[in-house]
C-alpha atoms as a PDB file:
ATOM      1  CA  UNK A   1     221.182  83.824 116.740  1.00  0.00           C
ATOM      2  CA  UNK A   2     218.182  85.995 117.560  1.00  0.00           C
ATOM      3  CA  UNK A   3     215.964  85.061 120.460  1.00  0.00           C
ATOM      4  CA  UNK A   4     212.342  84.124 119.613  1.00  0.00           C
ATOM      5  CA  UNK A   5     209.958  86.911 120.534  1.00  0.00           C
ATOM      6  CA  UNK A   6     207.949  85.997 123.617  1.00  0.00           C
ATOM      7  CA  UNK A   7     204.383  87.185 122.827  1.00  0.00           C
ATOM      8  CA  UNK A   8     202.950  86.007 126.149  1.00  0.00           C
ATOM      9  CA  UNK A   9     205.640  87.817 128.101  1.00  0.00           C
ATOM     10  CA  UNK A  10     204.600  91.076 126.465  1.00  0.00           C
ATOM     11  CA  UNK A  11     200.871  90.422 126.949  1.00  0.00           C
ATOM     12  CA  UNK A  12     200.153  89.830 123.240  1.00  0.00           C
ATOM     13  CA  UNK A  13     198.233  86.988 121.550  1.00  0.00           C
ATOM     14  CA  UNK A  14     199.989  84.474 119.413  1.00  0.00           C
ATOM     15  CA  UNK A  15     199.069  83.730 115.801  1.00  0.00           C
ATOM     16  CA  UNK A  16     197.385  80.536 116.910  1.00  0.00           C
ATOM     17  CA  UNK A  17     195.182  82.414 119.351  1.00  0.00           C
ATOM     18  CA  UNK A  18     194.310  84.972 116.684  1.00  0.00           C
ATOM     19  CA  UNK A  19     193.354  82.191 114.286  1.00  0.00           C
ATOM     20  CA  UNK A  20     191.124  80.621 116.941  1.00  0.00           C
ATOM     21  CA  UNK A  21     189.377  83.959 117.581  1.00  0.00           C
ATOM     22  CA  UNK A  22     188.886  84.442 113.854  1.00  0.00           C
ATOM     23  CA  UNK A  23     187.343  80.976 113.603  1.00  0.00           C
ATOM     24  CA  UNK A  24     185.024  81.805 116.509  1.00  0.00           C
ATOM     25  CA  UNK A  25     183.875  84.977 114.735  1.00  0.00           C
ATOM     26  CA  UNK A  26     183.193  83.005 111.574  1.00  0.00           C
ATOM     27  CA  UNK A  27     181.100  80.476 113.518  1.00  0.00           C
ATOM     28  CA  UNK A  28     179.288  83.378 115.179  1.00  0.00           C
ATOM     29  CA  UNK A  29     178.533  84.899 111.789  1.00  0.00           C
ATOM     30  CA  UNK A  30     177.169  81.597 110.479  1.00  0.00           C
ATOM     31  CA  UNK A  31     175.036  81.134 113.586  1.00  0.00           C
ATOM     32  CA  UNK A  32     173.865  84.745 113.238  1.00  0.00           C
ATOM     33  CA  UNK A  33     172.688  84.170 109.685  1.00  0.00           C
ATOM     34  CA  UNK A  34     170.934  80.970 110.751  1.00  0.00           C
ATOM     35  CA  UNK A  35     169.279  82.762 113.658  1.00  0.00           C
ATOM     36  CA  UNK A  36     168.134  85.579 111.358  1.00  0.00           C
ATOM     37  CA  UNK A  37     166.391  83.066 109.125  1.00  0.00           C
ATOM     38  CA  UNK A  38     164.987  81.226 112.139  1.00  0.00           C
ATOM     39  CA  UNK A  39     163.508  84.369 113.705  1.00  0.00           C
ATOM     40  CA  UNK A  40     162.388  85.591 110.296  1.00  0.00           C
ATOM     41  CA  UNK A  41     160.379  82.389 109.870  1.00  0.00           C
ATOM     42  CA  UNK A  42     158.989  82.598 113.395  1.00  0.00           C
ATOM     43  CA  UNK A  43     157.886  86.212 112.962  1.00  0.00           C
ATOM     44  CA  UNK A  44     156.228  85.487 109.621  1.00  0.00           C
ATOM     45  CA  UNK A  45     154.487  82.383 110.968  1.00  0.00           C
ATOM     46  CA  UNK A  46     152.991  84.481 113.750  1.00  0.00           C
ATOM     47  CA  UNK A  47     152.030  87.256 111.298  1.00  0.00           C
ATOM     48  CA  UNK A  48     150.321  84.696 109.057  1.00  0.00           C
ATOM     49  CA  UNK A  49     148.419  83.152 111.954  1.00  0.00           C
ATOM     50  CA  UNK A  50     147.415  86.506 113.398  1.00  0.00           C
ATOM     51  CA  UNK A  51     146.330  87.840 110.011  1.00  0.00           C
ATOM     52  CA  UNK A  52     144.105  84.787 109.489  1.00  0.00           C
ATOM     53  CA  UNK A  53     142.494  85.466 112.858  1.00  0.00           C
ATOM     54  CA  UNK A  54     141.895  89.069 111.763  1.00  0.00           C
ATOM     55  CA  UNK A  55     140.201  87.865 108.562  1.00  0.00           C
ATOM     56  CA  UNK A  56     137.758  85.944 110.747  1.00  0.00           C
ATOM     57  CA  UNK A  57     137.337  88.997 112.993  1.00  0.00           C
ATOM     58  CA  UNK A  58     136.549  91.307 110.077  1.00  0.00           C
ATOM     59  CA  UNK A  59     134.045  88.786 108.744  1.00  0.00           C
ATOM     60  CA  UNK A  60     132.395  88.525 112.164  1.00  0.00           C
ATOM     61  CA  UNK A  61     132.054  92.332 112.395  1.00  0.00           C
ATOM     62  CA  UNK A  62     130.259  92.443 109.049  1.00  0.00           C
ATOM     63  CA  UNK A  63     127.798  89.771 110.236  1.00  0.00           C
ATOM     64  CA  UNK A  64     127.114  91.274 113.662  1.00  0.00           C
ATOM     65  CA  UNK A  65     126.894  94.969 112.731  1.00  0.00           C
ATOM     66  CA  UNK A  66     125.017  96.164 109.655  1.00  0.00           C
ATOM     67  CA  UNK A  67     127.024  99.404 109.648  1.00  0.00           C
ATOM     68  CA  UNK A  68     130.251  97.460 108.942  1.00  0.00           C
ATOM     69  CA  UNK A  69     130.521  96.434 105.300  1.00  0.00           C
ATOM     70  CA  UNK A  70     131.566  92.929 104.308  1.00  0.00           C
ATOM     71  CA  UNK A  71     134.047  94.632 101.985  1.00  0.00           C
ATOM     72  CA  UNK A  72     136.074  95.556 105.072  1.00  0.00           C
ATOM     73  CA  UNK A  73     137.523  92.041 104.894  1.00  0.00           C
ATOM     74  CA  UNK A  74     139.567  93.253 101.903  1.00  0.00           C
ATOM     75  CA  UNK A  75     141.936  94.982 104.370  1.00  0.00           C
ATOM     76  CA  UNK A  76     143.372  91.802 105.978  1.00  0.00           C
ATOM     77  CA  UNK A  77     143.245  90.019 102.594  1.00  0.00           C
ATOM     78  CA  UNK A  78     145.547  92.660 101.093  1.00  0.00           C
ATOM     79  CA  UNK A  79     147.898  92.172 104.034  1.00  0.00           C
ATOM     80  CA  UNK A  80     147.773  88.410 103.451  1.00  0.00           C
ATOM     81  CA  UNK A  81     148.838  89.003  99.837  1.00  0.00           C
ATOM     82  CA  UNK A  82     151.845  91.014 101.066  1.00  0.00           C
ATOM     83  CA  UNK A  83     152.861  88.204 103.426  1.00  0.00           C
ATOM     84  CA  UNK A  84     152.561  85.617 100.657  1.00  0.00           C
ATOM     85  CA  UNK A  85     154.688  87.776  98.358  1.00  0.00           C
ATOM     86  CA  UNK A  86     157.444  87.938 100.994  1.00  0.00           C
ATOM     87  CA  UNK A  87     157.316  84.165 101.451  1.00  0.00           C
ATOM     88  CA  UNK A  88     157.639  83.755  97.698  1.00  0.00           C
ATOM     89  CA  UNK A  89     160.782  85.923  97.708  1.00  0.00           C
ATOM     90  CA  UNK A  90     162.249  83.841 100.540  1.00  0.00           C
ATOM     91  CA  UNK A  91     161.561  80.712  98.535  1.00  0.00           C
ATOM     92  CA  UNK A  92     163.376  82.212  95.536  1.00  0.00           C
ATOM     93  CA  UNK A  93     166.275  83.153  97.842  1.00  0.00           C
ATOM     94  CA  UNK A  94     166.656  79.544  98.994  1.00  0.00           C
ATOM     95  CA  UNK A  95     166.390  78.293  95.416  1.00  0.00           C
ATOM     96  CA  UNK A  96     169.208  80.643  94.370  1.00  0.00           C
ATOM     97  CA  UNK A  97     171.452  79.620  97.281  1.00  0.00           C
ATOM     98  CA  UNK A  98     170.895  75.938  96.489  1.00  0.00           C
ATOM     99  CA  UNK A  99     172.765  76.549  93.206  1.00  0.00           C
ATOM    100  CA  UNK A 100     175.027  79.385  94.289  1.00  0.00           C
ATOM    101  CA  UNK A 101     178.188  77.758  92.857  1.00  0.00           C
ATOM    102  CA  UNK A 102     176.702  77.850  89.393  1.00  0.00           C
ATOM    103  CA  UNK A 103     175.884  81.549  89.584  1.00  0.00           C
ATOM    104  CA  UNK A 104     177.956  84.367  88.143  1.00  0.00           C
ATOM    105  CA  UNK A 105     179.356  87.231  90.202  1.00  0.00           C
ATOM    106  CA  UNK A 106     176.782  89.551  88.669  1.00  0.00           C
ATOM    107  CA  UNK A 107     173.926  87.250  89.665  1.00  0.00           C
ATOM    108  CA  UNK A 108     175.311  86.936  93.191  1.00  0.00           C
ATOM    109  CA  UNK A 109     175.517  90.725  93.440  1.00  0.00           C
ATOM    110  CA  UNK A 110     171.894  91.105  92.311  1.00  0.00           C
ATOM    111  CA  UNK A 111     170.906  88.423  94.778  1.00  0.00           C
ATOM    112  CA  UNK A 112     172.457  90.407  97.630  1.00  0.00           C
ATOM    113  CA  UNK A 113     170.450  93.491  96.636  1.00  0.00           C
ATOM    114  CA  UNK A 114     167.316  91.364  96.434  1.00  0.00           C
ATOM    115  CA  UNK A 115     167.881  90.080  99.994  1.00  0.00           C
ATOM    116  CA  UNK A 116     168.094  93.657 101.273  1.00  0.00           C
ATOM    117  CA  UNK A 117     164.747  94.432  99.595  1.00  0.00           C
ATOM    118  CA  UNK A 118     163.211  91.339 101.166  1.00  0.00           C
ATOM    119  CA  UNK A 119     164.262  92.611 104.589  1.00  0.00           C
ATOM    120  CA  UNK A 120     162.446  95.868 103.808  1.00  0.00           C
ATOM    121  CA  UNK A 121     159.365  93.902 102.732  1.00  0.00           C
ATOM    122  CA  UNK A 122     159.517  92.029 106.014  1.00  0.00           C
ATOM    123  CA  UNK A 123     159.483  95.303 107.924  1.00  0.00           C
ATOM    124  CA  UNK A 124     156.606  96.457 105.722  1.00  0.00           C
ATOM    125  CA  UNK A 125     154.642  93.299 106.603  1.00  0.00           C
ATOM    126  CA  UNK A 126     155.014  94.007 110.323  1.00  0.00           C
ATOM    127  CA  UNK A 127     153.877  97.603 109.791  1.00  0.00           C
ATOM    128  CA  UNK A 128     150.879  96.678 107.613  1.00  0.00           C
ATOM    129  CA  UNK A 129     149.770  93.981 110.046  1.00  0.00           C
ATOM    130  CA  UNK A 130     149.940  96.525 112.853  1.00  0.00           C
ATOM    131  CA  UNK A 131     147.803  98.893 110.787  1.00  0.00           C
ATOM    132  CA  UNK A 132     145.265  96.141 110.099  1.00  0.00           C
ATOM    133  CA  UNK A 133     145.075  95.414 113.833  1.00  0.00           C
ATOM    134  CA  UNK A 134     144.626  99.119 114.570  1.00  0.00           C
ATOM    135  CA  UNK A 135     141.765  99.426 112.070  1.00  0.00           C
ATOM    136  CA  UNK A 136     140.101  96.340 113.528  1.00  0.00           C
ATOM    137  CA  UNK A 137     140.334  97.618 117.122  1.00  0.00           C
ATOM    138  CA  UNK A 138     139.050 101.043 116.040  1.00  0.00           C
ATOM    139  CA  UNK A 139     136.029  99.474 114.314  1.00  0.00           C
ATOM    140  CA  UNK A 140     135.284  97.211 117.274  1.00  0.00           C
ATOM    141  CA  UNK A 141     135.078 100.125 119.714  1.00  0.00           C
ATOM    142  CA  UNK A 142     133.404 102.689 117.434  1.00  0.00           C
ATOM    143  CA  UNK A 143     130.771 100.285 116.084  1.00  0.00           C
ATOM    144  CA  UNK A 144     130.032  98.985 119.585  1.00  0.00           C
ATOM    145  CA  UNK A 145     129.654 102.494 120.992  1.00  0.00           C
ATOM    146  CA  UNK A 146     127.465 103.604 118.072  1.00  0.00           C
ATOM    147  CA  UNK A 147     125.308 100.523 118.392  1.00  0.00           C
ATOM    148  CA  UNK A 148     124.888 101.113 122.134  1.00  0.00           C
ATOM    149  CA  UNK A 149     123.842 104.722 121.613  1.00  0.00           C
ATOM    150  CA  UNK A 150     121.391 103.758 118.863  1.00  0.00           C
ATOM    151  CA  UNK A 151     119.868 101.080 121.077  1.00  0.00           C
ATOM    152  CA  UNK A 152     119.405 103.550 123.949  1.00  0.00           C
ATOM    153  CA  UNK A 153     117.861 106.160 121.649  1.00  0.00           C
ATOM    154  CA  UNK A 154     115.640 103.531 120.050  1.00  0.00           C
ATOM    155  CA  UNK A 155     114.514 102.253 123.450  1.00  0.00           C
ATOM    156  CA  UNK A 156     113.657 105.777 124.600  1.00  0.00           C
ATOM    157  CA  UNK A 157     111.733 106.548 121.436  1.00  0.00           C
ATOM    158  CA  UNK A 158     109.861 103.260 121.512  1.00  0.00           C
ATOM    159  CA  UNK A 159     108.786 103.852 125.124  1.00  0.00           C
ATOM    160  CA  UNK A 160     107.283 107.234 124.236  1.00  0.00           C
ATOM    161  CA  UNK A 161     105.642 105.978 121.074  1.00  0.00           C
ATOM    162  CA  UNK A 162     103.986 103.016 122.783  1.00  0.00           C
ATOM    163  CA  UNK A 163     102.184 105.458 125.086  1.00  0.00           C
ATOM    164  CA  UNK A 164     100.975 107.845 122.375  1.00  0.00           C
ATOM    165  CA  UNK A 165     101.248 106.275 118.912  1.00  0.00           C
ATOM    166  CA  UNK A 166     100.151 103.164 117.079  1.00  0.00           C
ATOM    167  CA  UNK A 167     102.495 100.777 115.294  1.00  0.00           C
ATOM    168  CA  UNK A 168     101.721 102.456 111.963  1.00  0.00           C
ATOM    169  CA  UNK A 169     102.646 105.861 113.442  1.00  0.00           C
ATOM    170  CA  UNK A 170     106.103 104.544 114.351  1.00  0.00           C
ATOM    171  CA  UNK A 171     106.648 103.467 110.766  1.00  0.00           C
ATOM    172  CA  UNK A 172     105.546 106.870 109.437  1.00  0.00           C
ATOM    173  CA  UNK A 173     107.873 108.805 111.769  1.00  0.00           C
ATOM    174  CA  UNK A 174     110.875 107.032 110.334  1.00  0.00           C
ATOM    175  CA  UNK A 175     110.061 108.100 106.789  1.00  0.00           C
ATOM    176  CA  UNK A 176     110.500 111.267 104.774  1.00  0.00           C
ATOM    177  CA  UNK A 177     107.375 113.285 105.577  1.00  0.00           C
ATOM    178  CA  UNK A 178     107.929 115.643 102.646  1.00  0.00           C
ATOM    179  CA  UNK A 179     108.086 112.736 100.215  1.00  0.00           C
ATOM    180  CA  UNK A 180     105.021 111.026 101.744  1.00  0.00           C
ATOM    181  CA  UNK A 181     102.908 114.181 101.635  1.00  0.00           C
ATOM    182  CA  UNK A 182     104.010 115.240  98.144  1.00  0.00           C
ATOM    183  CA  UNK A 183     103.339 111.811  96.631  1.00  0.00           C
ATOM    184  CA  UNK A 184      99.920 111.664  98.302  1.00  0.00           C
ATOM    185  CA  UNK A 185      98.893 115.154  97.128  1.00  0.00           C
ATOM    186  CA  UNK A 186     100.036 114.438  93.566  1.00  0.00           C
ATOM    187  CA  UNK A 187      98.114 111.138  93.443  1.00  0.00           C
ATOM    188  CA  UNK A 188      95.025 112.297  95.397  1.00  0.00           C
ATOM    189  CA  UNK A 189      91.948 111.812  93.201  1.00  0.00           C
ATOM    190  CA  UNK A 190      88.808 112.927  95.073  1.00  0.00           C
ATOM    191  CA  UNK A 191      85.892 111.032  93.608  1.00  0.00           C
ATOM    192  CA  UNK A 192      82.909 109.336  95.145  1.00  0.00           C
ATOM    193  CA  UNK A 193      85.151 106.710  96.805  1.00  0.00           C
ATOM    194  CA  UNK A 194      88.032 108.970  97.852  1.00  0.00           C
ATOM    195  CA  UNK A 195      87.382 112.111  99.898  1.00  0.00           C
ATOM    196  CA  UNK A 196      88.757 113.878 102.991  1.00  0.00           C
ATOM    197  CA  UNK A 197      87.263 111.293 105.343  1.00  0.00           C
ATOM    198  CA  UNK A 198      88.976 108.437 103.484  1.00  0.00           C
ATOM    199  CA  UNK A 199      92.489 109.851 103.919  1.00  0.00           C
ATOM    200  CA  UNK A 200      94.480 107.521 106.235  1.00  0.00           C
ATOM    201  CA  UNK A 201      95.496 108.830 109.659  1.00  0.00           C
ATOM    202  CA  UNK A 202      99.163 108.162 108.910  1.00  0.00           C
ATOM    203  CA  UNK A 203      99.009 110.502 105.917  1.00  0.00           C
ATOM    204  CA  UNK A 204      97.374 113.282 107.913  1.00  0.00           C
ATOM    205  CA  UNK A 205      99.981 112.826 110.639  1.00  0.00           C
ATOM    206  CA  UNK A 206     102.661 113.246 107.952  1.00  0.00           C
ATOM    207  CA  UNK A 207     101.005 116.533 106.936  1.00  0.00           C
ATOM    208  CA  UNK A 208     101.098 117.650 110.571  1.00  0.00           C
ATOM    209  CA  UNK A 209     104.767 116.743 110.978  1.00  0.00           C
ATOM    210  CA  UNK A 210     105.592 118.580 107.759  1.00  0.00           C
ATOM    211  CA  UNK A 211     104.354 121.854 109.314  1.00  0.00           C
ATOM    212  CA  UNK A 212     107.553 122.150 111.367  1.00  0.00           C
ATOM    213  CA  UNK A 213     109.858 120.668 108.720  1.00  0.00           C
ATOM    214  CA  UNK A 214     108.916 122.604 105.569  1.00  0.00           C
ATOM    215  CA  UNK A 215     106.056 125.126 105.809  1.00  0.00           C
ATOM    216  CA  UNK A 216     106.180 125.922 102.093  1.00  0.00           C
ATOM    217  CA  UNK A 217     105.795 122.264 101.111  1.00  0.00           C
ATOM    218  CA  UNK A 218     103.003 121.898 103.680  1.00  0.00           C
ATOM    219  CA  UNK A 219     101.146 124.916 102.273  1.00  0.00           C
ATOM    220  CA  UNK A 220     101.486 123.797  98.652  1.00  0.00           C
ATOM    221  CA  UNK A 221     100.342 120.216  99.281  1.00  0.00           C
ATOM    222  CA  UNK A 222      97.381 121.111 101.526  1.00  0.00           C
ATOM    223  CA  UNK A 223      96.270 123.691  98.954  1.00  0.00           C
ATOM    224  CA  UNK A 224      96.596 121.137  96.145  1.00  0.00           C
ATOM    225  CA  UNK A 225      94.422 118.590  97.999  1.00  0.00           C
ATOM    226  CA  UNK A 226      91.632 121.113  98.618  1.00  0.00           C
ATOM    227  CA  UNK A 227      91.884 122.531  95.088  1.00  0.00           C
ATOM    228  CA  UNK A 228      91.450 119.019  93.685  1.00  0.00           C
ATOM    229  CA  UNK A 229      88.497 118.401  96.027  1.00  0.00           C
ATOM    230  CA  UNK A 230      86.683 121.615  95.024  1.00  0.00           C
ATOM    231  CA  UNK A 231      87.367 120.998  91.319  1.00  0.00           C
ATOM    232  CA  UNK A 232      85.801 117.529  91.600  1.00  0.00           C
ATOM    233  CA  UNK A 233      82.731 118.900  93.398  1.00  0.00           C
ATOM    234  CA  UNK A 234      82.210 121.521  90.684  1.00  0.00           C
ATOM    235  CA  UNK A 235      82.701 118.965  87.946  1.00  0.00           C
ATOM    236  CA  UNK A 236      80.334 116.364  89.395  1.00  0.00           C
ATOM    237  CA  UNK A 237      77.761 118.412  91.323  1.00  0.00           C
ATOM    238  CA  UNK A 238      78.170 121.938  89.918  1.00  0.00           C
ATOM    239  CA  UNK A 239      78.595 123.305  93.441  1.00  0.00           C
ATOM    240  CA  UNK A 240      80.776 123.087  96.532  1.00  0.00           C
ATOM    241  CA  UNK A 241      79.992 120.651  99.346  1.00  0.00           C
ATOM    242  CA  UNK A 242      80.202 120.847 103.132  1.00  0.00           C
ATOM    243  CA  UNK A 243      83.481 119.484 104.418  1.00  0.00           C
ATOM    244  CA  UNK A 244      83.092 120.310 108.130  1.00  0.00           C
ATOM    245  CA  UNK A 245      80.300 121.144 110.616  1.00  0.00           C
ATOM    246  CA  UNK A 246      81.505 123.229 113.557  1.00  0.00           C
ATOM    247  CA  UNK A 247      79.851 122.993 116.979  1.00  0.00           C
ATOM    248  CA  UNK A 248      78.255 126.081 118.529  1.00  0.00           C
ATOM    249  CA  UNK A 249      80.328 125.518 121.665  1.00  0.00           C
ATOM    250  CA  UNK A 250      83.953 126.147 120.702  1.00  0.00           C
ATOM    251  CA  UNK A 251      85.120 123.868 123.564  1.00  0.00           C
ATOM    252  CA  UNK A 252      83.563 120.917 121.772  1.00  0.00           C
ATOM    253  CA  UNK A 253      85.796 121.265 118.719  1.00  0.00           C
ATOM    254  CA  UNK A 254      89.177 119.509 118.803  1.00  0.00           C
ATOM    255  CA  UNK A 255      91.714 121.675 116.996  1.00  0.00           C
ATOM    256  CA  UNK A 256      94.432 119.004 117.514  1.00  0.00           C
ATOM    257  CA  UNK A 257      92.507 116.173 115.912  1.00  0.00           C
ATOM    258  CA  UNK A 258      94.217 114.609 112.900  1.00  0.00           C
ATOM    259  CA  UNK A 259      91.990 115.849 110.067  1.00  0.00           C
ATOM    260  CA  UNK A 260      92.703 117.561 106.781  1.00  0.00           C
ATOM    261  CA  UNK A 261      90.301 120.339 107.809  1.00  0.00           C
ATOM    262  CA  UNK A 262      92.540 121.099 110.782  1.00  0.00           C
ATOM    263  CA  UNK A 263      95.557 121.114 108.453  1.00  0.00           C
ATOM    264  CA  UNK A 264      93.802 123.687 106.287  1.00  0.00           C
ATOM    265  CA  UNK A 265      92.799 125.654 109.406  1.00  0.00           C
ATOM    266  CA  UNK A 266      96.394 125.688 110.653  1.00  0.00           C
ATOM    267  CA  UNK A 267      97.646 126.808 107.239  1.00  0.00           C
ATOM    268  CA  UNK A 268      95.030 129.498 106.602  1.00  0.00           C
ATOM    269  CA  UNK A 269      94.319 130.678 110.154  1.00  0.00           C
ATOM    270  CA  UNK A 270      90.678 131.040 109.090  1.00  0.00           C
ATOM    271  CA  UNK A 271      89.213 129.549 112.279  1.00  0.00           C
ATOM    272  CA  UNK A 272      88.513 132.000 115.072  1.00  0.00           C
ATOM    273  CA  UNK A 273      88.632 130.247 118.440  1.00  0.00           C
ATOM    274  CA  UNK A 274      86.167 132.747 119.816  1.00  0.00           C
ATOM    275  CA  UNK A 275      83.667 132.507 116.974  1.00  0.00           C
ATOM    276  CA  UNK A 276      83.547 129.346 114.920  1.00  0.00           C
ATOM    277  CA  UNK A 277      81.621 129.310 111.624  1.00  0.00           C
ATOM    278  CA  UNK A 278      78.685 126.953 111.234  1.00  0.00           C
ATOM    279  CA  UNK A 279      80.195 125.055 108.301  1.00  0.00           C
ATOM    280  CA  UNK A 280      83.024 125.020 105.838  1.00  0.00           C
ATOM    281  CA  UNK A 281      82.470 124.028 102.238  1.00  0.00           C
ATOM    282  CA  UNK A 282      85.048 122.930  99.702  1.00  0.00           C
ATOM    283  CA  UNK A 283      84.686 126.392  98.118  1.00  0.00           C
ATOM    284  CA  UNK A 284      86.748 127.860 100.981  1.00  0.00           C
ATOM    285  CA  UNK A 285      89.781 127.203  98.779  1.00  0.00           C
ATOM    286  CA  UNK A 286      88.697 130.010  96.418  1.00  0.00           C
ATOM    287  CA  UNK A 287      89.161 132.598  99.163  1.00  0.00           C
ATOM    288  CA  UNK A 288      92.539 131.107 100.056  1.00  0.00           C
ATOM    289  CA  UNK A 289      93.828 131.173  96.474  1.00  0.00           C
ATOM    290  CA  UNK A 290      92.622 134.754  96.018  1.00  0.00           C
ATOM    291  CA  UNK A 291      94.528 135.856  99.126  1.00  0.00           C
ATOM    292  CA  UNK A 292      97.647 133.797  98.252  1.00  0.00           C
ATOM    293  CA  UNK A 293      98.193 134.223  94.496  1.00  0.00           C
ATOM    294  CA  UNK A 294     101.860 133.177  94.841  1.00  0.00           C
ATOM    295  CA  UNK A 295     100.647 129.589  95.207  1.00  0.00           C
ATOM    296  CA  UNK A 296      99.385 129.691  91.613  1.00  0.00           C
ATOM    297  CA  UNK A 297     103.036 129.628  90.490  1.00  0.00           C
ATOM    298  CA  UNK A 298     103.090 126.008  91.683  1.00  0.00           C
ATOM    299  CA  UNK A 299     102.141 124.298  88.417  1.00  0.00           C
ATOM    300  CA  UNK A 300      99.651 121.672  89.751  1.00  0.00           C
ATOM    301  CA  UNK A 301      97.758 124.295  91.800  1.00  0.00           C
ATOM    302  CA  UNK A 302      97.731 126.722  88.866  1.00  0.00           C
ATOM    303  CA  UNK A 303      96.298 124.011  86.615  1.00  0.00           C
ATOM    304  CA  UNK A 304      93.436 123.179  88.985  1.00  0.00           C
ATOM    305  CA  UNK A 305      92.740 126.862  89.608  1.00  0.00           C
ATOM    306  CA  UNK A 306      92.275 127.374  85.862  1.00  0.00           C
ATOM    307  CA  UNK A 307      89.957 124.378  85.768  1.00  0.00           C
ATOM    308  CA  UNK A 308      87.921 125.766  88.691  1.00  0.00           C
ATOM    309  CA  UNK A 309      87.554 129.151  86.977  1.00  0.00           C
ATOM    310  CA  UNK A 310      86.564 127.527  83.692  1.00  0.00           C
ATOM    311  CA  UNK A 311      83.931 125.292  85.264  1.00  0.00           C
ATOM    312  CA  UNK A 312      82.586 128.108  87.480  1.00  0.00           C
ATOM    313  CA  UNK A 313      82.160 130.327  84.415  1.00  0.00           C
ATOM    314  CA  UNK A 314      80.266 127.609  82.550  1.00  0.00           C
ATOM    315  CA  UNK A 315      78.038 126.934  85.570  1.00  0.00           C
ATOM    316  CA  UNK A 316      77.357 130.660  85.864  1.00  0.00           C
ATOM    317  CA  UNK A 317      76.349 130.818  82.194  1.00  0.00           C
ATOM    318  CA  UNK A 318      74.276 127.674  82.522  1.00  0.00           C
ATOM    319  CA  UNK A 319      76.054 125.777  79.748  1.00  0.00           C
ATOM    320  CA  UNK A 320      78.007 123.210  81.782  1.00  0.00           C
ATOM    321  CA  UNK A 321      76.806 119.639  82.058  1.00  0.00           C
ATOM    322  CA  UNK A 322      78.237 116.736  83.930  1.00  0.00           C
ATOM    323  CA  UNK A 323      81.112 115.422  81.807  1.00  0.00           C
ATOM    324  CA  UNK A 324      82.751 112.586  83.638  1.00  0.00           C
END
């Protein structure tokens, strides 16, 4: 009779011990699956909570800073939709497992593939939430820095303007000088109630600022204003009228004063600092247009120049009467 093999004597495990180890591994696998689900739920709970906080943060940014659009809140809302979709898949997973004994092998196989995809979606949710956080942090710092710089610049500008400009000047400086000047020149209608002296200071300041921004636009619009003025004088009075008296002492004349005459003087360079004329009349524009015929290509100026020539010819022939 053969002797029973002594497994312990040879340092080997018995079948019973192997069965116990196998049972331990099975319990470990079950616990592992349970722990995966547990940590999955914990991670997603935290992602949900954190994403809701971010929604509030994005909304707060849009209320505090005008430069941040309210539509920025769409970013965390999209991430919330991804999280909800993953939760829906987990719910479907549990529903399937609740009836797993009634499922076919093919359905079980598809279910296994679906679980793998859900794991990928879970990783995607972590990544997208991280991106949403990154965008939020970026906006917080960039908007704050931009706002700080704008406040410092605004404070510096306001300090200088308070010393030299009125409240209306501050408003004008923030606008498009070209647009302001062009609209004024196009709408300027010099009649008995609207003349050079009635032009608001803010408008003249816009003309002055336009000198350094667009000299061509400045030249065209100043010329148009004076062409309209001279045309009105010829139409109503059959002659030009004095628009400026110059002092005998050149030191008494302020070349920097905000007047349309000074804008014309800057444009034409007709004023000699050493020898000022006694007066300027509105007819000075005729000399300017003769010396700068390229301005006649600007349609409004060309139209008024033709009107001036027509009226002047009729006045010369003595057959023009006041036709208002």
